[in-house]
Amino acid sequence: MKKFIVSAILCGSLVLTLSGCGNRNNSDNSSGENSEQTSSEQTSSEQTSSEQTSSEQTSSEQTSSDQSSTESSSDVNGGGVDNSGLSFPDNRAGRMAAAALRTDSWPAMEVVSEADELGALFSTDEGEVFNLDDLEEFCFCTNLMSAQLNRVIVVKPVNGREGAVEDAVNSYLNYSQTGAAFYPAQEESAAGAVSGKTPDNYIYLIVHKNGAAIADAIRDIQ
């Protein structure tokens, strides 16, 4: 009987010991899993934060670049448009016209060289137009927006046609000053319009609010 009691006690102790080990292992496993999950969540959070920071930095850099580009563009010619890429003729008339558009601020301009376009864009209200047969060299520039009134004309007459060309330029100047302006900005440009001639017979007309200053800047261009 005594042996039976001792055996029962030993069996009970063994069961309790095994049970305790099982609980400890489960606790360790659970703790390990929780630790791994916390570490995984922390890594994911750090990665998301890093990606978000990188994205915000890239966006900020792009915005700064766009702003810098816009500011650079608006600074050309004191706030005007850069017209240096236009197809100016490769002669002195073209160089004088290009110099005019580099002086002061201008809107977007275009170079007109076809006879039918010249007839439409550079005719007076009485239908007077420039005859290309009278011109040895020429460059005609006009604004793209119809609400503006800006022109640059530089021409060199062929021998014997100087009078006819001067008459055409003066007629267009008079039209620009008295009949072409309808809006305040146009009237301002018309008021500043000037014409003139170089010693070697290049005739120019500048329709711009600061026409006189621009004419002074291009007169000696070779």
N, C-alpha and C. Protein backbone atom coordinates (compact mmCIF):
# COMPACT_ATOMS: atom_id res chain seq x y z
N MET A 1 0.84 -1.21 0.00
CA MET A 1 0.00 0.00 0.00
C MET A 1 0.87 1.25 0.00
N LYS A 2 1.92 1.22 0.74
CA LYS A 2 2.82 2.35 0.83
C LYS A 2 3.48 2.60 -0.52
N LYS A 3 3.84 1.50 -1.21
CA LYS A 3 4.48 1.64 -2.53
C LYS A 3 3.51 2.28 -3.52
N PHE A 4 2.24 1.92 -3.41
CA PHE A 4 1.24 2.47 -4.31
C PHE A 4 1.10 3.98 -4.13
N ILE A 5 1.09 4.40 -2.86
CA ILE A 5 0.95 5.82 -2.54
C ILE A 5 2.16 6.60 -3.08
N VAL A 6 3.37 6.04 -2.90
CA VAL A 6 4.59 6.70 -3.37
C VAL A 6 4.58 6.82 -4.87
N SER A 7 4.12 5.75 -5.54
CA SER A 7 4.07 5.76 -7.01
C SER A 7 3.10 6.82 -7.50
N ALA A 8 1.94 6.92 -6.81
CA ALA A 8 0.94 7.91 -7.20
C ALA A 8 1.49 9.33 -7.07
N ILE A 9 2.24 9.55 -5.98
CA ILE A 9 2.80 10.88 -5.75
C ILE A 9 3.82 11.22 -6.83
N LEU A 10 4.66 10.25 -7.20
CA LEU A 10 5.68 10.48 -8.22
C LEU A 10 5.04 10.76 -9.58
N CYS A 11 3.98 10.01 -9.89
CA CYS A 11 3.28 10.25 -11.17
C CYS A 11 2.67 11.65 -11.22
N GLY A 12 2.09 12.04 -10.09
CA GLY A 12 1.48 13.38 -10.04
C GLY A 12 2.52 14.46 -10.22
N SER A 13 3.67 14.29 -9.59
CA SER A 13 4.75 15.29 -9.72
C SER A 13 5.23 15.39 -11.16
N LEU A 14 5.32 14.22 -11.83
CA LEU A 14 5.77 14.20 -13.23
C LEU A 14 4.79 14.94 -14.14
N VAL A 15 3.49 14.71 -13.88
CA VAL A 15 2.46 15.38 -14.68
C VAL A 15 2.54 16.89 -14.51
N LEU A 16 2.72 17.35 -13.27
CA LEU A 16 2.80 18.78 -12.99
C LEU A 16 4.03 19.39 -13.65
N THR A 17 5.12 18.66 -13.62
CA THR A 17 6.36 19.15 -14.23
C THR A 17 6.22 19.32 -15.73
N LEU A 18 5.65 18.28 -16.38
CA LEU A 18 5.45 18.33 -17.82
C LEU A 18 4.49 19.46 -18.22
N SER A 19 3.46 19.64 -17.41
CA SER A 19 2.48 20.70 -17.69
C SER A 19 3.13 22.08 -17.61
N GLY A 20 3.98 22.27 -16.61
CA GLY A 20 4.67 23.54 -16.45
C GLY A 20 5.58 23.83 -17.62
N CYS A 21 6.28 22.80 -18.10
CA CYS A 21 7.18 22.99 -19.26
C CYS A 21 6.40 23.35 -20.50
N GLY A 22 5.24 22.69 -20.67
CA GLY A 22 4.41 22.99 -21.83
C GLY A 22 3.94 24.43 -21.82
N ASN A 23 3.50 24.90 -20.67
CA ASN A 23 3.03 26.29 -20.58
C ASN A 23 4.15 27.28 -20.85
N ARG A 24 5.37 26.96 -20.34
CA ARG A 24 6.49 27.87 -20.54
C ARG A 24 6.87 27.95 -22.00
N ASN A 25 6.83 26.77 -22.71
CA ASN A 25 7.15 26.77 -24.13
C ASN A 25 6.15 27.57 -24.93
N ASN A 26 4.85 27.40 -24.57
CA ASN A 26 3.82 28.17 -25.27
C ASN A 26 4.00 29.66 -25.06
N SER A 27 4.36 29.99 -23.80
CA SER A 27 4.56 31.41 -23.48
C SER A 27 5.73 31.97 -24.27
N ASP A 28 6.82 31.17 -24.37
CA ASP A 28 8.00 31.63 -25.11
C ASP A 28 7.68 31.79 -26.59
N ASN A 29 6.92 30.80 -27.14
CA ASN A 29 6.55 30.88 -28.55
C ASN A 29 5.69 32.10 -28.83
N SER A 30 4.71 32.33 -27.91
CA SER A 30 3.81 33.47 -28.09
C SER A 30 4.58 34.78 -28.02
N SER A 31 5.54 34.85 -27.07
CA SER A 31 6.35 36.05 -26.93
C SER A 31 7.19 36.28 -28.17
N GLY A 32 7.75 35.19 -28.72
CA GLY A 32 8.56 35.30 -29.93
C GLY A 32 7.75 35.78 -31.11
N GLU A 33 6.53 35.22 -31.24
CA GLU A 33 5.67 35.64 -32.36
C GLU A 33 5.29 37.10 -32.24
N ASN A 34 4.96 37.51 -30.99
CA ASN A 34 4.60 38.92 -30.79
C ASN A 34 5.77 39.84 -31.10
N SER A 35 6.98 39.40 -30.73
CA SER A 35 8.17 40.21 -30.99
C SER A 35 8.42 40.34 -32.48
N GLU A 36 8.26 39.19 -33.20
CA GLU A 36 8.46 39.24 -34.65
C GLU A 36 7.43 40.12 -35.33
N GLN A 37 6.16 40.03 -34.87
CA GLN A 37 5.09 40.84 -35.45
C GLN A 37 5.36 42.33 -35.21
N THR A 38 5.80 42.67 -33.96
CA THR A 38 6.09 44.07 -33.64
C THR A 38 7.23 44.60 -34.51
N SER A 39 8.28 43.76 -34.67
CA SER A 39 9.42 44.15 -35.49
C SER A 39 9.01 44.35 -36.94
N SER A 40 8.12 43.42 -37.44
CA SER A 40 7.66 43.54 -38.82
C SER A 40 6.84 44.80 -39.02
N GLU A 41 5.96 45.08 -38.04
CA GLU A 41 5.14 46.30 -38.15
C GLU A 41 6.00 47.55 -38.09
N GLN A 42 7.05 47.54 -37.24
CA GLN A 42 7.94 48.69 -37.12
C GLN A 42 8.70 48.92 -38.43
N THR A 43 9.19 47.79 -39.03
CA THR A 43 9.91 47.91 -40.30
C THR A 43 9.02 48.45 -41.40
N SER A 44 7.75 47.94 -41.44
CA SER A 44 6.80 48.40 -42.46
C SER A 44 6.49 49.88 -42.27
N SER A 45 6.35 50.30 -40.99
CA SER A 45 6.05 51.70 -40.71
C SER A 45 7.21 52.60 -41.12
N GLU A 46 8.46 52.13 -40.81
CA GLU A 46 9.64 52.91 -41.18
C GLU A 46 9.76 53.02 -42.70
N GLN A 47 9.46 51.89 -43.40
CA GLN A 47 9.56 51.89 -44.86
C GLN A 47 8.53 52.84 -45.46
N THR A 48 7.29 52.80 -44.93
CA THR A 48 6.24 53.69 -45.43
C THR A 48 6.61 55.15 -45.20
N SER A 49 7.14 55.42 -43.98
CA SER A 49 7.54 56.79 -43.65
C SER A 49 8.67 57.26 -44.57
N SER A 50 9.63 56.33 -44.85
CA SER A 50 10.75 56.69 -45.73
C SER A 50 10.27 56.96 -47.14
N GLU A 51 9.35 56.10 -47.64
CA GLU A 51 8.82 56.28 -48.98
C GLU A 51 8.05 57.58 -49.09
N GLN A 52 7.26 57.88 -48.04
CA GLN A 52 6.48 59.11 -48.05
C GLN A 52 7.39 60.33 -48.04
N THR A 53 8.44 60.27 -47.21
CA THR A 53 9.40 61.38 -47.14
C THR A 53 10.09 61.58 -48.48
N SER A 54 10.49 60.44 -49.10
CA SER A 54 11.16 60.51 -50.41
C SER A 54 10.24 61.10 -51.46
N SER A 55 8.96 60.66 -51.43
CA SER A 55 7.99 61.17 -52.40
C SER A 55 7.75 62.65 -52.21
N GLU A 56 7.63 63.08 -50.94
CA GLU A 56 7.41 64.50 -50.66
C GLU A 56 8.61 65.32 -51.09
N GLN A 57 9.83 64.77 -50.86
CA GLN A 57 11.04 65.49 -51.25
C GLN A 57 11.13 65.63 -52.76
N THR A 58 10.80 64.53 -53.49
CA THR A 58 10.82 64.57 -54.96
C THR A 58 9.81 65.58 -55.48
N SER A 59 8.60 65.56 -54.88
CA SER A 59 7.55 66.50 -55.30
C SER A 59 7.98 67.93 -55.04
N SER A 60 8.63 68.15 -53.88
CA SER A 60 9.08 69.50 -53.54
C SER A 60 10.15 69.97 -54.50
N GLU A 61 11.09 69.04 -54.86
CA GLU A 61 12.15 69.40 -55.79
C GLU A 61 11.58 69.72 -57.16
N GLN A 62 10.57 68.91 -57.59
CA GLN A 62 9.95 69.14 -58.90
C GLN A 62 9.25 70.49 -58.93
N THR A 63 8.51 70.79 -57.85
CA THR A 63 7.82 72.08 -57.76
C THR A 63 8.80 73.24 -57.81
N SER A 64 9.92 73.07 -57.07
CA SER A 64 10.94 74.12 -57.05
C SER A 64 11.55 74.31 -58.43
N SER A 65 11.78 73.16 -59.13
CA SER A 65 12.34 73.24 -60.49
C SER A 65 11.38 73.93 -61.44
N ASP A 66 10.08 73.56 -61.36
CA ASP A 66 9.08 74.19 -62.23
C ASP A 66 8.99 75.68 -61.97
N GLN A 67 9.02 76.03 -60.67
CA GLN A 67 8.92 77.44 -60.31
C GLN A 67 10.13 78.22 -60.82
N SER A 68 11.32 77.60 -60.68
CA SER A 68 12.53 78.25 -61.17
C SER A 68 12.49 78.45 -62.66
N SER A 69 11.96 77.41 -63.38
CA SER A 69 11.87 77.51 -64.84
C SER A 69 10.91 78.61 -65.25
N THR A 70 9.77 78.69 -64.53
CA THR A 70 8.78 79.73 -64.84
C THR A 70 9.34 81.11 -64.58
N GLU A 71 10.05 81.25 -63.43
CA GLU A 71 10.62 82.55 -63.11
C GLU A 71 11.67 82.95 -64.12
N SER A 72 12.48 81.95 -64.58
CA SER A 72 13.51 82.24 -65.57
C SER A 72 12.89 82.70 -66.87
N SER A 73 11.78 82.03 -67.28
CA SER A 73 11.12 82.40 -68.52
C SER A 73 10.53 83.79 -68.43
N SER A 74 9.94 84.13 -67.25
CA SER A 74 9.29 85.43 -67.13
C SER A 74 10.30 86.56 -66.99
N ASP A 75 11.58 86.22 -66.67
CA ASP A 75 12.59 87.25 -66.51
C ASP A 75 13.18 87.69 -67.84
N VAL A 76 12.92 86.93 -68.93
CA VAL A 76 13.49 87.28 -70.23
C VAL A 76 12.96 88.63 -70.68
N ASN A 77 13.88 89.51 -71.09
CA ASN A 77 13.50 90.84 -71.56
C ASN A 77 12.62 91.58 -70.55
N GLY A 78 12.96 91.47 -69.27
CA GLY A 78 12.23 92.22 -68.25
C GLY A 78 10.78 91.81 -68.11
N GLY A 79 10.47 90.54 -68.28
CA GLY A 79 9.10 90.07 -68.12
C GLY A 79 8.42 89.73 -69.43
N GLY A 80 9.07 90.00 -70.57
CA GLY A 80 8.48 89.68 -71.87
C GLY A 80 8.78 88.26 -72.29
N VAL A 81 8.52 87.97 -73.56
CA VAL A 81 8.72 86.64 -74.12
C VAL A 81 10.04 86.58 -74.87
N ASP A 82 10.72 85.44 -74.78
CA ASP A 82 11.98 85.23 -75.49
C ASP A 82 11.66 84.89 -76.95
N ASN A 83 11.92 85.80 -77.85
CA ASN A 83 11.65 85.59 -79.28
C ASN A 83 12.91 85.26 -80.08
N SER A 84 13.99 84.88 -79.39
CA SER A 84 15.26 84.66 -80.07
C SER A 84 15.24 83.46 -81.01
N GLY A 85 14.29 82.55 -80.84
CA GLY A 85 14.24 81.35 -81.67
C GLY A 85 13.50 81.53 -82.99
N LEU A 86 13.05 82.74 -83.30
CA LEU A 86 12.33 82.97 -84.55
C LEU A 86 13.26 82.84 -85.76
N SER A 87 12.68 82.59 -86.90
CA SER A 87 13.46 82.40 -88.14
C SER A 87 13.73 83.75 -88.81
N PHE A 88 14.67 84.48 -88.25
CA PHE A 88 15.04 85.77 -88.84
C PHE A 88 15.88 85.52 -90.11
N PRO A 89 15.70 86.34 -91.13
CA PRO A 89 16.53 86.18 -92.33
C PRO A 89 18.00 86.44 -92.01
N ASP A 90 18.88 85.76 -92.71
CA ASP A 90 20.31 85.88 -92.45
C ASP A 90 20.89 87.06 -93.24
N ASN A 91 20.51 88.24 -92.83
CA ASN A 91 21.04 89.47 -93.43
C ASN A 91 20.93 90.59 -92.40
N ARG A 92 21.33 91.78 -92.77
CA ARG A 92 21.32 92.86 -91.80
C ARG A 92 19.90 93.22 -91.36
N ALA A 93 18.95 93.17 -92.26
CA ALA A 93 17.56 93.46 -91.88
C ALA A 93 17.10 92.48 -90.79
N GLY A 94 17.45 91.20 -90.96
CA GLY A 94 17.08 90.21 -89.95
C GLY A 94 17.79 90.44 -88.63
N ARG A 95 19.05 90.82 -88.69
CA ARG A 95 19.80 91.06 -87.45
C ARG A 95 19.28 92.29 -86.71
N MET A 96 18.89 93.32 -87.47
CA MET A 96 18.32 94.51 -86.82
C MET A 96 16.99 94.18 -86.15
N ALA A 97 16.16 93.39 -86.83
CA ALA A 97 14.87 93.01 -86.25
C ALA A 97 15.07 92.15 -85.01
N ALA A 98 16.03 91.21 -85.07
CA ALA A 98 16.30 90.35 -83.91
C ALA A 98 16.79 91.19 -82.73
N ALA A 99 17.63 92.18 -83.01
CA ALA A 99 18.12 93.06 -81.94
C ALA A 99 16.98 93.86 -81.33
N ALA A 100 16.04 94.28 -82.15
CA ALA A 100 14.88 95.02 -81.63
C ALA A 100 14.10 94.17 -80.64
N LEU A 101 13.92 92.89 -80.96
CA LEU A 101 13.13 92.02 -80.08
C LEU A 101 13.91 91.58 -78.84
N ARG A 102 15.22 91.84 -78.83
CA ARG A 102 16.00 91.59 -77.62
C ARG A 102 16.02 92.81 -76.71
N THR A 103 15.55 93.93 -77.23
CA THR A 103 15.57 95.18 -76.48
C THR A 103 14.19 95.43 -75.88
N ASP A 104 14.13 95.71 -74.60
CA ASP A 104 12.87 95.93 -73.90
C ASP A 104 12.06 94.63 -73.86
N SER A 105 10.80 94.70 -73.45
CA SER A 105 9.94 93.51 -73.35
C SER A 105 8.94 93.48 -74.50
N TRP A 106 8.75 92.29 -75.04
CA TRP A 106 7.85 92.08 -76.17
C TRP A 106 6.96 90.89 -75.89
N PRO A 107 5.76 90.86 -76.49
CA PRO A 107 4.93 89.65 -76.41
C PRO A 107 5.46 88.61 -77.39
N ALA A 108 4.78 87.47 -77.49
CA ALA A 108 5.16 86.45 -78.47
C ALA A 108 4.97 87.03 -79.88
N MET A 109 6.04 86.92 -80.67
CA MET A 109 6.04 87.50 -82.02
C MET A 109 6.25 86.41 -83.06
N GLU A 110 6.01 86.75 -84.32
CA GLU A 110 6.32 85.86 -85.43
C GLU A 110 6.91 86.65 -86.58
N VAL A 111 7.76 85.97 -87.37
CA VAL A 111 8.34 86.58 -88.56
C VAL A 111 7.47 86.21 -89.75
N VAL A 112 7.08 87.23 -90.51
CA VAL A 112 6.21 87.02 -91.67
C VAL A 112 7.02 87.28 -92.93
N SER A 113 7.00 86.31 -93.86
CA SER A 113 7.80 86.47 -95.07
C SER A 113 7.04 86.19 -96.36
N GLU A 114 5.86 85.59 -96.26
CA GLU A 114 5.08 85.29 -97.46
C GLU A 114 4.27 86.51 -97.89
N ALA A 115 4.17 86.71 -99.20
CA ALA A 115 3.51 87.90 -99.73
C ALA A 115 2.04 87.99 -99.32
N ASP A 116 1.33 86.85 -99.35
CA ASP A 116 -0.09 86.90 -98.99
C ASP A 116 -0.29 87.22 -97.51
N GLU A 117 0.61 86.72 -96.66
CA GLU A 117 0.53 87.03 -95.23
C GLU A 117 0.87 88.50 -94.98
N LEU A 118 1.85 89.00 -95.70
CA LEU A 118 2.19 90.42 -95.56
C LEU A 118 1.02 91.30 -95.95
N GLY A 119 0.32 90.90 -97.02
CA GLY A 119 -0.83 91.68 -97.45
C GLY A 119 -1.93 91.70 -96.42
N ALA A 120 -2.08 90.60 -95.67
CA ALA A 120 -3.14 90.52 -94.66
C ALA A 120 -2.75 91.20 -93.35
N LEU A 121 -1.47 91.08 -92.97
CA LEU A 121 -1.04 91.55 -91.65
C LEU A 121 -0.38 92.92 -91.66
N PHE A 122 0.10 93.38 -92.81
CA PHE A 122 0.80 94.65 -92.86
C PHE A 122 0.21 95.59 -93.91
N SER A 123 -1.09 95.56 -94.05
CA SER A 123 -1.76 96.49 -94.95
C SER A 123 -2.46 97.57 -94.12
N THR A 124 -2.65 98.72 -94.71
CA THR A 124 -3.34 99.81 -94.04
C THR A 124 -4.84 99.66 -94.23
N ASP A 125 -5.61 100.53 -93.57
CA ASP A 125 -7.06 100.47 -93.71
C ASP A 125 -7.51 100.86 -95.12
N GLU A 126 -6.59 101.45 -95.89
CA GLU A 126 -6.90 101.81 -97.28
C GLU A 126 -6.38 100.76 -98.26
N GLY A 127 -5.88 99.65 -97.72
CA GLY A 127 -5.43 98.55 -98.57
C GLY A 127 -4.03 98.69 -99.12
N GLU A 128 -3.26 99.65 -98.62
CA GLU A 128 -1.88 99.80 -99.08
C GLU A 128 -1.02 98.69 -98.49
N VAL A 129 -0.17 98.08 -99.33
CA VAL A 129 0.67 96.97 -98.88
C VAL A 129 2.11 97.19 -99.35
N PHE A 130 3.01 96.39 -98.79
CA PHE A 130 4.41 96.43 -99.20
C PHE A 130 4.60 95.51 -100.42
N ASN A 131 5.34 96.00 -101.38
CA ASN A 131 5.64 95.22 -102.58
C ASN A 131 7.03 94.60 -102.41
N LEU A 132 7.09 93.28 -102.33
CA LEU A 132 8.37 92.61 -102.10
C LEU A 132 9.35 92.83 -103.24
N ASP A 133 8.84 93.13 -104.42
CA ASP A 133 9.73 93.40 -105.56
C ASP A 133 10.52 94.68 -105.37
N ASP A 134 10.06 95.54 -104.45
CA ASP A 134 10.76 96.80 -104.17
C ASP A 134 11.85 96.63 -103.12
N LEU A 135 11.99 95.43 -102.56
CA LEU A 135 12.85 95.25 -101.39
C LEU A 135 14.03 94.31 -101.70
N GLU A 136 15.22 94.80 -101.40
CA GLU A 136 16.41 93.96 -101.52
C GLU A 136 16.55 93.06 -100.30
N GLU A 137 16.27 93.61 -99.12
CA GLU A 137 16.24 92.85 -97.86
C GLU A 137 14.99 93.28 -97.09
N PHE A 138 14.46 92.36 -96.30
CA PHE A 138 13.31 92.74 -95.48
C PHE A 138 13.14 91.76 -94.32
N CYS A 139 12.56 92.27 -93.24
CA CYS A 139 12.14 91.43 -92.11
C CYS A 139 10.93 92.10 -91.48
N PHE A 140 9.82 91.39 -91.47
CA PHE A 140 8.56 91.88 -90.89
C PHE A 140 8.21 91.00 -89.68
N CYS A 141 7.99 91.61 -88.54
CA CYS A 141 7.62 90.87 -87.32
C CYS A 141 6.33 91.46 -86.75
N THR A 142 5.44 90.58 -86.32
CA THR A 142 4.18 91.03 -85.73
C THR A 142 3.82 90.18 -84.52
N ASN A 143 2.99 90.71 -83.65
CA ASN A 143 2.55 89.97 -82.47
C ASN A 143 1.58 88.86 -82.86
N LEU A 144 1.54 87.81 -82.05
CA LEU A 144 0.64 86.69 -82.30
C LEU A 144 -0.78 86.97 -81.81
N MET A 145 -0.91 87.71 -80.71
CA MET A 145 -2.22 87.99 -80.13
C MET A 145 -2.81 89.23 -80.76
N SER A 146 -4.05 89.10 -81.23
CA SER A 146 -4.68 90.22 -81.93
C SER A 146 -5.00 91.40 -81.01
N ALA A 147 -5.05 91.15 -79.71
CA ALA A 147 -5.35 92.24 -78.77
C ALA A 147 -4.16 93.16 -78.56
N GLN A 148 -3.00 92.79 -79.11
CA GLN A 148 -1.81 93.61 -78.96
C GLN A 148 -1.51 94.32 -80.28
N LEU A 149 -0.63 95.29 -80.20
CA LEU A 149 -0.21 96.02 -81.41
C LEU A 149 1.29 96.26 -81.30
N ASN A 150 2.06 95.31 -81.79
CA ASN A 150 3.51 95.42 -81.79
C ASN A 150 4.04 94.97 -83.15
N ARG A 151 4.87 95.81 -83.75
CA ARG A 151 5.41 95.50 -85.07
C ARG A 151 6.89 95.90 -85.11
N VAL A 152 7.65 95.15 -85.91
CA VAL A 152 9.02 95.54 -86.28
C VAL A 152 9.13 95.34 -87.79
N ILE A 153 9.50 96.39 -88.48
CA ILE A 153 9.72 96.31 -89.93
C ILE A 153 11.11 96.87 -90.21
N VAL A 154 11.94 96.09 -90.89
CA VAL A 154 13.25 96.57 -91.34
C VAL A 154 13.37 96.18 -92.81
N VAL A 155 13.59 97.15 -93.66
CA VAL A 155 13.66 96.88 -95.10
C VAL A 155 14.81 97.68 -95.73
N LYS A 156 15.34 97.13 -96.82
CA LYS A 156 16.30 97.87 -97.64
C LYS A 156 15.75 97.89 -99.06
N PRO A 157 15.42 99.06 -99.58
CA PRO A 157 14.84 99.14 -100.94
C PRO A 157 15.87 98.77 -102.02
N VAL A 158 15.38 98.26 -103.11
CA VAL A 158 16.25 98.09 -104.27
C VAL A 158 16.53 99.48 -104.86
N ASN A 159 17.62 99.59 -105.59
CA ASN A 159 17.99 100.89 -106.17
C ASN A 159 16.86 101.43 -107.05
N GLY A 160 16.51 102.67 -106.80
CA GLY A 160 15.48 103.32 -107.59
C GLY A 160 14.09 103.22 -107.00
N ARG A 161 13.92 102.41 -105.94
CA ARG A 161 12.58 102.26 -105.34
C ARG A 161 12.53 102.82 -103.91
N GLU A 162 13.52 103.61 -103.55
CA GLU A 162 13.58 104.15 -102.20
C GLU A 162 12.35 104.98 -101.84
N GLY A 163 11.91 105.84 -102.76
CA GLY A 163 10.75 106.70 -102.49
C GLY A 163 9.49 105.90 -102.26
N ALA A 164 9.24 104.89 -103.08
CA ALA A 164 8.04 104.08 -102.94
C ALA A 164 8.04 103.33 -101.61
N VAL A 165 9.22 102.82 -101.22
CA VAL A 165 9.30 102.07 -99.95
C VAL A 165 9.12 103.01 -98.76
N GLU A 166 9.73 104.17 -98.81
CA GLU A 166 9.55 105.13 -97.72
C GLU A 166 8.09 105.54 -97.59
N ASP A 167 7.41 105.72 -98.70
CA ASP A 167 5.99 106.06 -98.67
C ASP A 167 5.19 104.94 -98.01
N ALA A 168 5.53 103.69 -98.33
CA ALA A 168 4.80 102.56 -97.75
C ALA A 168 5.02 102.49 -96.24
N VAL A 169 6.26 102.71 -95.80
CA VAL A 169 6.57 102.68 -94.36
C VAL A 169 5.84 103.81 -93.65
N ASN A 170 5.89 105.00 -94.19
CA ASN A 170 5.23 106.14 -93.55
C ASN A 170 3.72 105.97 -93.51
N SER A 171 3.17 105.37 -94.56
CA SER A 171 1.74 105.11 -94.58
C SER A 171 1.35 104.12 -93.49
N TYR A 172 2.17 103.09 -93.32
CA TYR A 172 1.86 102.11 -92.28
C TYR A 172 2.07 102.69 -90.88
N LEU A 173 3.05 103.55 -90.72
CA LEU A 173 3.24 104.23 -89.45
C LEU A 173 2.02 105.08 -89.11
N ASN A 174 1.53 105.83 -90.07
CA ASN A 174 0.35 106.66 -89.83
C ASN A 174 -0.87 105.82 -89.48
N TYR A 175 -1.01 104.70 -90.18
CA TYR A 175 -2.12 103.80 -89.87
C TYR A 175 -1.99 103.24 -88.46
N SER A 176 -0.79 102.85 -88.06
CA SER A 176 -0.56 102.29 -86.72
C SER A 176 -0.90 103.31 -85.64
N GLN A 177 -0.59 104.56 -85.89
CA GLN A 177 -0.80 105.60 -84.88
C GLN A 177 -2.24 106.09 -84.81
N THR A 178 -2.96 106.01 -85.92
CA THR A 178 -4.29 106.64 -85.96
C THR A 178 -5.46 105.69 -86.23
N GLY A 179 -5.18 104.51 -86.78
CA GLY A 179 -6.31 103.67 -87.16
C GLY A 179 -6.27 102.23 -86.70
N ALA A 180 -5.16 101.78 -86.10
CA ALA A 180 -5.02 100.37 -85.75
C ALA A 180 -5.26 100.07 -84.28
N ALA A 181 -5.26 101.08 -83.44
CA ALA A 181 -5.35 100.86 -81.99
C ALA A 181 -6.79 101.00 -81.49
N PHE A 182 -7.23 99.98 -80.72
CA PHE A 182 -8.58 100.00 -80.16
C PHE A 182 -8.59 99.79 -78.65
N TYR A 183 -7.57 99.12 -78.13
CA TYR A 183 -7.48 98.83 -76.70
C TYR A 183 -6.39 99.69 -76.07
N PRO A 184 -6.43 99.89 -74.76
CA PRO A 184 -5.43 100.74 -74.10
C PRO A 184 -3.99 100.33 -74.39
N ALA A 185 -3.69 99.01 -74.35
CA ALA A 185 -2.32 98.56 -74.62
C ALA A 185 -1.92 98.86 -76.06
N GLN A 186 -2.86 98.73 -76.98
CA GLN A 186 -2.58 99.05 -78.37
C GLN A 186 -2.32 100.54 -78.54
N GLU A 187 -3.12 101.35 -77.87
CA GLU A 187 -2.94 102.81 -77.96
C GLU A 187 -1.58 103.23 -77.41
N GLU A 188 -1.13 102.52 -76.35
CA GLU A 188 0.17 102.82 -75.76
C GLU A 188 1.30 102.50 -76.76
N SER A 189 1.16 101.35 -77.43
CA SER A 189 2.16 100.99 -78.45
C SER A 189 2.14 101.97 -79.62
N ALA A 190 0.94 102.33 -80.05
CA ALA A 190 0.81 103.25 -81.18
C ALA A 190 1.44 104.60 -80.86
N ALA A 191 1.27 105.06 -79.62
CA ALA A 191 1.83 106.35 -79.23
C ALA A 191 3.35 106.35 -79.26
N GLY A 192 3.96 105.17 -79.05
CA GLY A 192 5.42 105.08 -79.05
C GLY A 192 6.03 104.71 -80.39
N ALA A 193 5.21 104.52 -81.42
CA ALA A 193 5.70 104.06 -82.72
C ALA A 193 6.61 105.10 -83.38
N VAL A 194 7.71 104.61 -83.98
CA VAL A 194 8.65 105.50 -84.67
C VAL A 194 9.15 104.82 -85.94
N SER A 195 9.64 105.62 -86.86
CA SER A 195 10.31 105.10 -88.06
C SER A 195 11.59 105.89 -88.28
N GLY A 196 12.47 105.35 -89.12
CA GLY A 196 13.72 106.04 -89.39
C GLY A 196 14.51 105.34 -90.47
N LYS A 197 15.71 105.86 -90.75
CA LYS A 197 16.54 105.30 -91.81
C LYS A 197 18.00 105.41 -91.43
N THR A 198 18.77 104.39 -91.73
CA THR A 198 20.20 104.39 -91.46
C THR A 198 20.93 105.10 -92.61
N PRO A 199 22.19 105.50 -92.40
CA PRO A 199 22.95 106.16 -93.47
C PRO A 199 23.09 105.30 -94.72
N ASP A 200 23.07 103.95 -94.56
CA ASP A 200 23.21 103.10 -95.74
C ASP A 200 21.86 102.59 -96.24
N ASN A 201 20.80 103.34 -95.94
CA ASN A 201 19.50 103.17 -96.60
C ASN A 201 18.65 102.00 -96.10
N TYR A 202 18.85 101.56 -94.87
CA TYR A 202 17.91 100.60 -94.26
C TYR A 202 16.82 101.41 -93.57
N ILE A 203 15.58 101.10 -93.88
CA ILE A 203 14.43 101.81 -93.30
C ILE A 203 13.78 100.90 -92.26
N TYR A 204 13.45 101.47 -91.10
CA TYR A 204 12.85 100.65 -90.02
C TYR A 204 11.61 101.33 -89.46
N LEU A 205 10.74 100.52 -88.90
CA LEU A 205 9.56 101.01 -88.21
C LEU A 205 9.36 100.14 -86.97
N ILE A 206 9.24 100.79 -85.82
CA ILE A 206 9.05 100.08 -84.55
C ILE A 206 7.73 100.53 -83.94
N VAL A 207 6.80 99.59 -83.77
CA VAL A 207 5.53 99.89 -83.09
C VAL A 207 5.61 99.25 -81.71
N HIS A 208 5.93 100.07 -80.73
CA HIS A 208 6.15 99.63 -79.34
C HIS A 208 6.08 100.87 -78.47
N LYS A 209 5.66 100.71 -77.23
CA LYS A 209 5.53 101.87 -76.36
C LYS A 209 6.86 102.59 -76.14
N ASN A 210 7.97 101.84 -76.26
CA ASN A 210 9.30 102.44 -76.13
C ASN A 210 10.03 102.40 -77.47
N GLY A 211 9.32 102.71 -78.53
CA GLY A 211 9.87 102.60 -79.88
C GLY A 211 11.14 103.38 -80.09
N ALA A 212 11.23 104.60 -79.58
CA ALA A 212 12.40 105.45 -79.80
C ALA A 212 13.66 104.83 -79.21
N ALA A 213 13.55 104.31 -78.00
CA ALA A 213 14.72 103.69 -77.35
C ALA A 213 15.16 102.44 -78.10
N ILE A 214 14.19 101.66 -78.59
CA ILE A 214 14.53 100.45 -79.35
C ILE A 214 15.19 100.81 -80.67
N ALA A 215 14.70 101.86 -81.32
CA ALA A 215 15.30 102.31 -82.57
C ALA A 215 16.76 102.72 -82.36
N ASP A 216 17.02 103.41 -81.25
CA ASP A 216 18.40 103.81 -80.94
C ASP A 216 19.31 102.59 -80.77
N ALA A 217 18.74 101.50 -80.22
CA ALA A 217 19.54 100.31 -79.94
C ALA A 217 19.88 99.50 -81.19
N ILE A 218 19.10 99.63 -82.25
CA ILE A 218 19.32 98.78 -83.42
C ILE A 218 19.95 99.51 -84.61
N ARG A 219 20.02 100.82 -84.52
CA ARG A 219 20.43 101.62 -85.69
C ARG A 219 21.82 101.24 -86.21
N ASP A 220 22.72 100.88 -85.30
CA ASP A 220 24.11 100.59 -85.70
C ASP A 220 24.41 99.10 -85.84
N ILE A 221 23.38 98.27 -85.76
CA ILE A 221 23.60 96.82 -85.91
C ILE A 221 24.02 96.52 -87.35
N GLN A 222 25.09 95.75 -87.51
CA GLN A 222 25.58 95.39 -88.84
C GLN A 222 25.24 93.92 -89.19
